[in-house]
Protein backbone atom coordinates (compact mmCIF):
# COMPACT_ATOMS: atom_id res chain seq x y z
CA MET A 1 -91.81 29.51 -19.43
CA THR A 2 -88.54 28.00 -18.82
CA THR A 3 -85.21 29.64 -18.99
CA THR A 4 -84.67 27.51 -22.03
CA ALA A 5 -87.63 29.01 -23.67
CA HIS A 6 -85.61 32.48 -23.13
CA ALA A 7 -82.42 31.38 -24.49
CA PRO A 8 -82.58 33.54 -27.69
CA LEU A 9 -82.74 36.29 -25.55
CA LEU A 10 -80.26 35.55 -23.03
CA ASP A 11 -78.05 34.77 -25.82
CA ALA A 12 -78.51 37.96 -27.56
CA SER A 13 -78.14 39.95 -23.97
CA LEU A 14 -74.79 38.38 -23.50
CA ALA A 15 -73.48 39.20 -27.07
CA LEU A 16 -74.90 42.93 -26.42
CA ILE A 17 -73.35 43.56 -23.27
CA THR A 18 -69.81 42.12 -24.22
CA SER A 19 -69.87 43.73 -27.63
CA LEU A 20 -70.78 47.24 -26.25
CA GLN A 21 -68.20 46.72 -23.43
CA GLU A 22 -65.41 49.52 -23.91
CA PRO A 23 -61.71 48.23 -24.86
CA GLY A 24 -60.61 49.45 -21.21
CA GLY A 25 -63.23 47.29 -19.25
CA ALA A 26 -66.16 50.00 -18.63
CA TYR A 27 -69.66 49.18 -19.50
CA PRO A 28 -71.77 52.04 -20.91
CA ALA A 29 -75.15 52.16 -19.12
CA SER A 30 -76.88 52.81 -22.64
CA PRO A 31 -75.18 53.24 -25.95
CA THR A 32 -78.04 55.54 -27.22
CA PHE A 33 -79.65 57.45 -24.38
CA SER A 34 -78.55 60.98 -24.02
CA ALA A 35 -78.11 61.25 -20.35
CA TYR A 36 -76.09 57.82 -19.91
CA ARG A 37 -74.08 57.93 -23.16
CA GLY A 38 -70.40 57.81 -22.44
CA TYR A 39 -70.82 57.10 -18.88
CA CYS A 40 -70.08 53.98 -16.56
CA TRP A 41 -71.75 53.73 -13.20
CA PHE A 42 -69.79 51.61 -10.36
CA ARG A 43 -73.27 50.26 -9.23
CA ASP A 44 -74.63 49.32 -12.51
CA GLY A 45 -71.54 48.21 -13.97
CA ALA A 46 -71.18 45.88 -11.12
CA PHE A 47 -74.47 44.26 -11.52
CA ILE A 48 -73.81 43.98 -15.09
CA ALA A 49 -70.44 42.30 -14.68
CA ASP A 50 -72.26 39.99 -12.27
CA GLY A 51 -74.71 38.96 -14.68
CA VAL A 52 -72.54 38.14 -17.76
CA SER A 53 -70.02 36.38 -14.81
CA SER A 54 -73.16 34.19 -13.75
CA ALA A 55 -73.82 33.58 -17.89
CA GLY A 56 -70.38 32.12 -17.68
CA GLU A 57 -68.35 34.71 -18.85
CA VAL A 58 -64.94 35.42 -17.42
CA ALA A 59 -63.03 37.94 -19.51
CA SER A 60 -65.47 40.50 -19.73
CA PRO A 61 -66.58 40.90 -16.18
CA SER A 62 -62.84 40.63 -15.26
CA ALA A 63 -62.02 43.63 -17.58
CA PHE A 64 -64.77 45.50 -15.81
CA LEU A 65 -63.49 44.79 -12.54
CA ASP A 66 -59.85 45.86 -13.53
CA TRP A 67 -61.39 49.33 -14.67
CA CYS A 68 -63.15 49.54 -11.44
CA ALA A 69 -59.50 48.89 -9.43
CA GLY A 70 -57.56 51.51 -11.90
CA VAL A 71 -60.12 54.16 -11.33
CA VAL A 72 -60.15 53.72 -7.61
CA GLU A 73 -56.17 53.85 -7.86
CA ALA A 74 -56.22 56.97 -9.93
CA HIS A 75 -58.37 58.50 -6.81
CA ARG A 76 -56.03 57.52 -4.14
CA THR A 77 -55.14 61.02 -3.11
CA PRO A 78 -58.71 62.17 -2.61
CA ILE A 79 -59.89 58.75 -1.11
CA GLU A 80 -57.01 59.51 1.45
CA ARG A 81 -58.00 63.08 2.09
CA VAL A 82 -61.60 61.98 2.57
CA VAL A 83 -60.55 59.15 5.18
CA ALA A 84 -58.14 61.49 7.12
CA ALA A 85 -60.90 64.26 7.18
CA ALA A 86 -63.21 61.71 8.76
CA ALA A 87 -60.86 60.47 11.12
CA ALA A 88 -60.22 64.04 12.27
CA GLY A 89 -63.79 64.51 12.64
CA GLU A 90 -64.30 67.08 9.83
CA PRO A 91 -65.48 65.47 6.93
CA VAL A 92 -64.96 66.81 3.59
CA PRO A 93 -68.09 68.68 1.72
CA GLN A 94 -70.19 66.49 -0.23
CA GLU A 95 -68.86 67.63 -3.52
CA GLN A 96 -65.48 66.46 -2.62
CA MET A 97 -66.58 62.62 -2.29
CA LEU A 98 -66.12 60.45 -5.02
CA PRO A 99 -68.83 60.31 -7.83
CA THR A 100 -70.90 57.79 -8.82
CA ARG A 101 -70.43 57.60 -12.50
CA PHE A 102 -67.14 58.13 -14.60
CA THR A 103 -66.30 58.23 -18.45
CA MET A 104 -65.16 55.39 -20.22
CA ALA A 105 -61.45 56.69 -19.42
CA GLY A 106 -62.29 56.55 -15.78
CA ALA A 107 -62.45 60.48 -15.40
CA PRO A 108 -65.37 61.98 -13.51
CA GLY A 109 -67.98 63.66 -15.62
CA ALA A 110 -67.71 67.40 -16.68
CA ASP A 111 -71.58 67.66 -16.65
CA GLU A 112 -73.66 68.42 -13.47
CA TRP A 113 -74.87 65.22 -11.82
CA TRP A 114 -76.28 63.65 -8.72
CA ASP A 115 -72.95 62.26 -8.06
CA PHE A 116 -72.29 61.50 -4.57
CA GLN A 117 -73.48 57.80 -4.08
CA LEU A 118 -71.88 55.23 -2.01
CA ASP A 119 -73.58 52.03 -2.90
CA GLY A 120 -71.20 51.54 -5.93
CA TYR A 121 -67.95 51.30 -3.86
CA GLY A 122 -69.81 48.55 -2.14
CA THR A 123 -71.11 46.66 -5.22
CA TRP A 124 -67.78 46.65 -6.94
CA LEU A 125 -66.35 44.71 -3.98
CA TRP A 126 -68.97 42.27 -3.85
CA ALA A 127 -68.94 41.70 -7.49
CA ALA A 128 -65.30 41.10 -7.71
CA ALA A 129 -65.43 38.60 -4.53
CA GLU A 130 -68.24 36.56 -6.54
CA HIS A 131 -66.67 36.45 -9.54
CA ALA A 132 -63.64 35.13 -8.27
CA ALA A 133 -65.22 32.55 -6.31
CA ARG A 134 -67.52 31.48 -9.19
CA HIS A 135 -64.64 31.29 -11.76
CA GLY A 136 -61.70 30.26 -9.08
CA LEU A 137 -59.65 33.52 -9.91
CA ASP A 138 -57.06 35.20 -7.61
CA VAL A 139 -58.53 38.13 -6.21
CA THR A 140 -55.00 39.71 -5.48
CA ARG A 141 -54.86 41.56 -8.85
CA TRP A 142 -57.79 43.98 -7.17
CA ARG A 143 -56.47 43.96 -3.59
CA SER A 144 -54.82 47.52 -3.53
CA ALA A 145 -57.94 49.14 -4.98
CA ALA A 146 -59.89 47.15 -2.64
CA GLU A 147 -57.99 48.21 0.60
CA LEU A 148 -58.72 52.01 -0.52
CA THR A 149 -62.32 50.92 -1.24
CA VAL A 150 -62.62 49.61 2.42
CA ASP A 151 -61.08 52.45 4.13
CA TYR A 152 -63.11 54.92 2.21
CA LEU A 153 -66.54 52.94 2.97
CA LEU A 154 -65.33 52.70 6.68
CA SER A 155 -64.91 56.20 6.85
CA SER A 156 -68.18 57.47 5.16
CA TRP A 157 -70.77 54.89 5.56
CA GLN A 158 -72.92 57.15 7.81
CA ARG A 159 -73.21 60.16 5.50
CA PRO A 160 -76.51 60.59 3.92
CA CYS A 161 -75.94 60.38 0.01
CA TYR A 162 -78.08 60.04 -3.22
CA ASP A 163 -79.87 56.92 -3.41
CA TRP A 164 -79.63 54.35 -6.43
CA TRP A 165 -82.06 56.71 -8.40
CA GLU A 166 -79.84 59.67 -7.72
CA GLU A 167 -82.59 61.31 -5.40
CA HIS A 168 -82.74 62.26 -1.76
CA ALA A 169 -79.32 63.15 -0.88
CA GLU A 170 -80.26 64.23 2.51
CA GLN A 171 -81.16 60.83 3.65
CA VAL A 172 -79.58 57.44 4.67
CA HIS A 173 -80.96 55.12 2.27
CA VAL A 174 -81.31 51.25 3.20
CA SER A 175 -80.30 49.80 0.13
CA THR A 176 -77.08 51.81 0.09
CA LEU A 177 -76.14 50.43 3.58
CA GLY A 178 -76.85 46.96 2.10
CA CYS A 179 -74.78 47.36 -0.71
CA ILE A 180 -72.03 48.51 1.87
CA VAL A 181 -72.58 45.67 4.22
CA ALA A 182 -72.18 43.33 1.03
CA GLY A 183 -69.01 44.98 -0.01
CA LEU A 184 -67.19 45.12 3.21
CA ARG A 185 -68.17 41.47 4.17
CA ALA A 186 -67.14 40.31 0.59
CA ALA A 187 -63.78 41.96 0.88
CA ALA A 188 -62.87 40.45 4.30
CA ASP A 189 -64.17 36.95 3.37
CA SER A 190 -62.65 36.51 -0.11
CA GLY A 191 -59.00 37.75 0.75
CA LEU A 192 -59.53 41.12 -1.10
CA VAL A 193 -58.53 42.78 2.19
CA THR A 194 -56.41 40.80 4.86
CA GLY A 195 -55.23 41.23 8.45
CA THR A 196 -56.46 44.26 10.56
CA ARG A 197 -58.30 45.58 7.50
CA ALA A 198 -60.25 42.75 7.36
CA ASP A 199 -61.14 42.84 10.80
CA ALA A 200 -62.31 46.16 10.37
CA ALA A 201 -64.20 45.42 7.53
CA ARG A 202 -66.21 42.70 9.46
CA ASP A 203 -66.62 45.12 12.17
CA GLY A 204 -67.78 47.74 10.05
CA ALA A 205 -70.17 45.44 8.32
CA ASP A 206 -71.68 44.33 11.68
CA ALA A 207 -72.41 48.21 12.70
CA VAL A 208 -74.07 48.90 9.52
CA MET A 209 -76.26 45.85 9.85
CA GLU A 210 -76.99 47.20 13.21
CA VAL A 211 -78.36 50.33 11.70
CA ILE A 212 -80.30 48.63 9.28
CA THR A 213 -82.20 46.15 11.45
CA THR A 214 -82.82 48.82 14.16
CA ARG A 215 -83.23 52.13 12.18
CA GLY A 216 -84.40 50.71 8.76
CA VAL A 217 -87.11 48.73 9.44
CA ALA A 218 -90.84 49.30 10.10
CA HIS A 219 -94.07 47.36 9.89
CA GLY A 220 -91.48 44.34 9.94
CA HIS A 221 -90.13 45.28 6.63
CA LEU A 222 -87.08 47.09 5.36
CA THR A 223 -87.56 50.71 4.44
CA LYS A 224 -86.41 53.19 1.58
CA TRP A 225 -84.41 55.04 4.18
CA LEU A 226 -83.84 55.59 7.90
CA GLY A 227 -86.82 57.07 9.51
CA THR A 228 -89.72 56.17 7.05
CA ASP A 229 -92.07 53.28 6.54
CA ALA A 230 -91.97 53.52 2.63
CA VAL A 231 -90.43 50.71 0.63
CA ASP A 232 -88.07 50.58 -2.22
CA ALA A 233 -87.96 47.86 -4.86
CA SER A 234 -83.94 48.25 -4.38
CA LEU A 235 -84.38 46.62 -1.25
CA ALA A 236 -85.06 43.17 -3.03
CA ALA A 237 -81.33 43.39 -3.97
CA LEU A 238 -80.41 42.78 -0.15
CA ILE A 239 -81.98 39.51 -0.07
CA GLY A 240 -80.89 38.28 -3.64
CA PRO A 241 -78.43 38.58 -5.01
CA LEU A 242 -76.44 40.38 -2.22
CA GLY A 243 -77.55 38.22 0.22
CA VAL A 244 -77.09 40.83 3.16
CA ILE A 245 -80.66 39.37 4.69
CA ASP A 246 -81.40 35.86 5.28
CA PRO A 247 -83.88 34.73 2.61
CA GLU A 248 -85.47 32.49 5.27
CA SER A 249 -86.09 35.26 7.70
CA GLU A 250 -89.28 37.24 8.71
CA LEU A 251 -87.63 40.32 7.80
CA ALA A 252 -87.03 39.13 4.16
CA ALA A 253 -90.69 37.57 4.12
CA ALA A 254 -92.13 41.00 5.05
CA THR A 255 -89.94 42.70 2.74
CA ILE A 256 -90.79 40.62 -0.12
CA ALA A 257 -94.50 40.94 0.51
CA ALA A 258 -94.35 44.86 0.81
CA ILE A 259 -92.68 45.24 -2.39
CA GLU A 260 -95.02 42.74 -4.24
CA GLU A 261 -98.35 44.54 -2.57
CA GLN A 262 -96.97 48.26 -2.72
CA LEU A 263 -94.73 48.08 -5.99
CA CYS A 264 -95.91 45.24 -8.19
CA THR A 265 -98.36 45.29 -10.91
CA ASP A 266 -98.77 42.33 -13.72
CA GLY A 267 -95.36 41.26 -13.14
CA GLY A 268 -93.74 44.56 -13.52
CA VAL A 269 -92.02 46.55 -10.29
CA TYR A 270 -91.91 50.00 -9.62
CA ARG A 271 -88.99 51.85 -8.07
CA PHE A 272 -91.27 53.53 -5.26
CA ARG A 273 -94.89 54.63 -4.95
CA ALA A 274 -93.94 58.35 -5.56
CA ASP A 275 -91.77 57.87 -8.65
CA THR A 276 -92.44 60.56 -11.42
CA PHE A 277 -89.44 59.54 -13.74
CA TYR A 278 -91.00 59.15 -17.00
CA GLY A 279 -94.27 59.09 -15.40
CA GLY A 280 -93.21 56.35 -13.05
CA GLY A 281 -93.18 53.08 -14.89
CA ARG A 282 -92.05 49.59 -14.17
CA TRP A 283 -88.49 48.26 -14.35
CA PRO A 284 -87.69 45.02 -16.19
CA LEU A 285 -84.41 44.87 -13.88
CA LEU A 286 -86.45 45.35 -10.73
CA SER A 287 -88.59 42.35 -11.58
CA CYS A 288 -85.63 40.44 -11.91
CA PHE A 289 -84.21 41.63 -8.33
CA LEU A 290 -87.31 40.61 -6.77
CA GLY A 291 -87.26 37.64 -8.78
CA LEU A 292 -83.86 36.79 -7.32
CA ALA A 293 -85.14 37.51 -3.72
CA HIS A 294 -88.10 34.89 -4.19
CA ALA A 295 -85.33 32.43 -5.79
CA ARG A 296 -83.38 32.84 -2.70
CA ALA A 297 -86.34 32.68 -0.47
CA GLY A 298 -87.53 29.08 -2.34
CA ASN A 299 -90.30 30.78 -4.47
CA THR A 300 -88.82 29.67 -7.81
CA ALA A 301 -92.31 29.62 -9.27
CA ARG A 302 -93.01 33.26 -8.58
CA ALA A 303 -89.19 34.13 -9.71
CA GLY A 304 -90.02 32.38 -13.01
CA GLU A 305 -93.00 34.41 -13.47
CA LEU A 306 -90.93 37.72 -12.76
CA LEU A 307 -88.45 36.77 -15.46
CA ASP A 308 -91.22 35.84 -18.00
CA TRP A 309 -92.43 39.62 -17.56
CA ALA A 310 -88.84 41.03 -17.78
CA VAL A 311 -88.18 38.88 -20.88
CA GLY A 312 -91.57 40.09 -22.34
CA THR A 313 -90.62 43.75 -22.32
CA ALA A 314 -88.15 43.40 -25.03
CA THR A 315 -88.32 45.13 -28.03
CA ALA A 316 -88.94 43.33 -31.70
CA ASP A 317 -85.28 43.70 -32.05
CA GLY A 318 -84.56 42.07 -28.62
CA LEU A 319 -83.61 45.29 -26.67
CA LEU A 320 -84.70 45.43 -23.00
CA PRO A 321 -85.69 49.19 -21.82
CA GLU A 322 -84.96 50.90 -18.57
CA GLN A 323 -88.64 51.15 -17.83
CA VAL A 324 -91.87 50.46 -19.78
CA ASP A 325 -95.18 52.22 -20.24
CA GLY A 326 -98.72 51.31 -18.98
CA HIS A 327 -99.97 51.64 -15.84
CA LEU A 328 -97.84 54.66 -14.98
CA LEU A 329 -97.65 56.35 -11.35
CA ALA A 330 -97.68 59.66 -12.75
CA PRO A 331 -98.48 59.67 -16.30
CA HIS A 332 -98.62 63.59 -16.57
CA TYR A 333 -94.89 63.56 -15.96
CA ARG A 334 -93.91 61.38 -18.61
CA THR A 335 -93.87 64.17 -21.69
CA GLU A 336 -91.60 66.50 -19.42
CA TRP A 337 -88.76 63.80 -19.56
CA LEU A 338 -89.43 62.83 -23.11
CA ASP A 339 -88.78 66.69 -23.83
CA ARG A 340 -85.82 66.63 -21.64
CA TRP A 341 -83.86 63.35 -22.71
CA GLY A 342 -85.72 61.74 -25.65
CA PRO A 343 -87.14 58.36 -25.27
CA VAL A 344 -86.64 55.82 -22.57
CA ALA A 345 -83.13 54.24 -22.40
CA THR A 346 -83.44 51.42 -24.77
CA PRO A 347 -81.32 49.00 -24.41
CA LEU A 348 -80.33 49.36 -20.66
CA LEU A 349 -77.44 47.19 -20.43
CA TRP A 350 -78.33 46.79 -16.68
CA SER A 351 -81.60 45.45 -17.58
CA HIS A 352 -80.05 42.89 -19.79
CA ALA A 353 -77.74 41.86 -17.30
CA MET A 354 -80.37 41.16 -14.51
CA VAL A 355 -82.32 38.77 -17.00
CA LEU A 356 -78.84 36.86 -17.29
CA ARG A 357 -78.54 36.93 -13.57
CA LEU A 358 -82.15 35.58 -12.60
CA ALA A 359 -82.22 33.02 -15.45
CA ALA A 360 -78.82 31.86 -14.08
CA ALA A 361 -80.55 31.55 -10.94
CA LEU A 362 -83.30 29.48 -12.12
CA SER A 363 -80.93 27.13 -13.88
CA PRO A 364 -81.03 23.61 -13.07
CA ALA A 365 -77.47 23.83 -11.87
CA GLU A 366 -77.67 26.57 -9.49
CA LEU A 367 -81.19 25.21 -8.23
CA LYS A 368 -79.27 22.03 -7.49
CA GLU A 369 -76.34 23.58 -5.75
CA ASN A 370 -78.54 25.71 -3.76
CA ALA A 371 -80.92 22.99 -2.54
């Protein structure tokens, strides 16, 4: 199919995301799923904002980025405490680090969660820079919050934390490091931060990349975390859309190949081989991330196939799920999650956003621009 053939779902996805956005700018992860309802993640939200920005929206992603900036500013005191403690060689305990998700009002959640994740603080910086460049916006509105965020990331990037999937807090995850690199580079290059702080951001990004390329690679491909040879589908984001890894490099080619071989079945992409969440299904948003990596590497035909699969997971009502049944990695775990949280999150706004983003990458205008 072509992106034109997907136009009805793309239009519906854009309308769904913008209609569900809170007045204050936050994007709910899912309006109906019990564990996500009422919360906004910096990481998911940043990719949602980038998706609707790529589809031509300006006000909606700007409002989300304003919300991020407000949340960061509201946490100035704890951020300064984290930075000072790290500088003194006495880092604060994990529970005093910033959370990964917030209520629509920008407050930390009251219920227990796997909360310490650094990736979202890199992705919001990256999304702000991408959005501003795409639509010719002035980034100074987000500068104060960006300065705090850069200081926070520079102070703490070496710390283990939960990954994109809120698992393995004891590890340093390569996808998380990639999000940090993307955010630090974007902040410095876009003017979100300036002067010595921009220099520090670039130096920090170089230091993180050194760790990625020396300790986060096995058998020629990126790894799920430092010290393993396993892969995770989130690694595709480092090639496209984050652009941390050169899409024409051997490292990118090997990483794409490893994800294709180990995590892809019939166009659907698993998170990782040991996944048991809802039985370990395939995620439309991850097919889109892999598609973006292929598109950046010049394989638009394969990217189009992955988009087709993701679009094909929509319900009769045009809603995209978090993951789908069929070819489950661990089917005996599915009932446990159904009993705990109910049916799989549908719609998941992140899924809708990644379909928008991959479709934009495959549009004739963007293909011509990147030729």
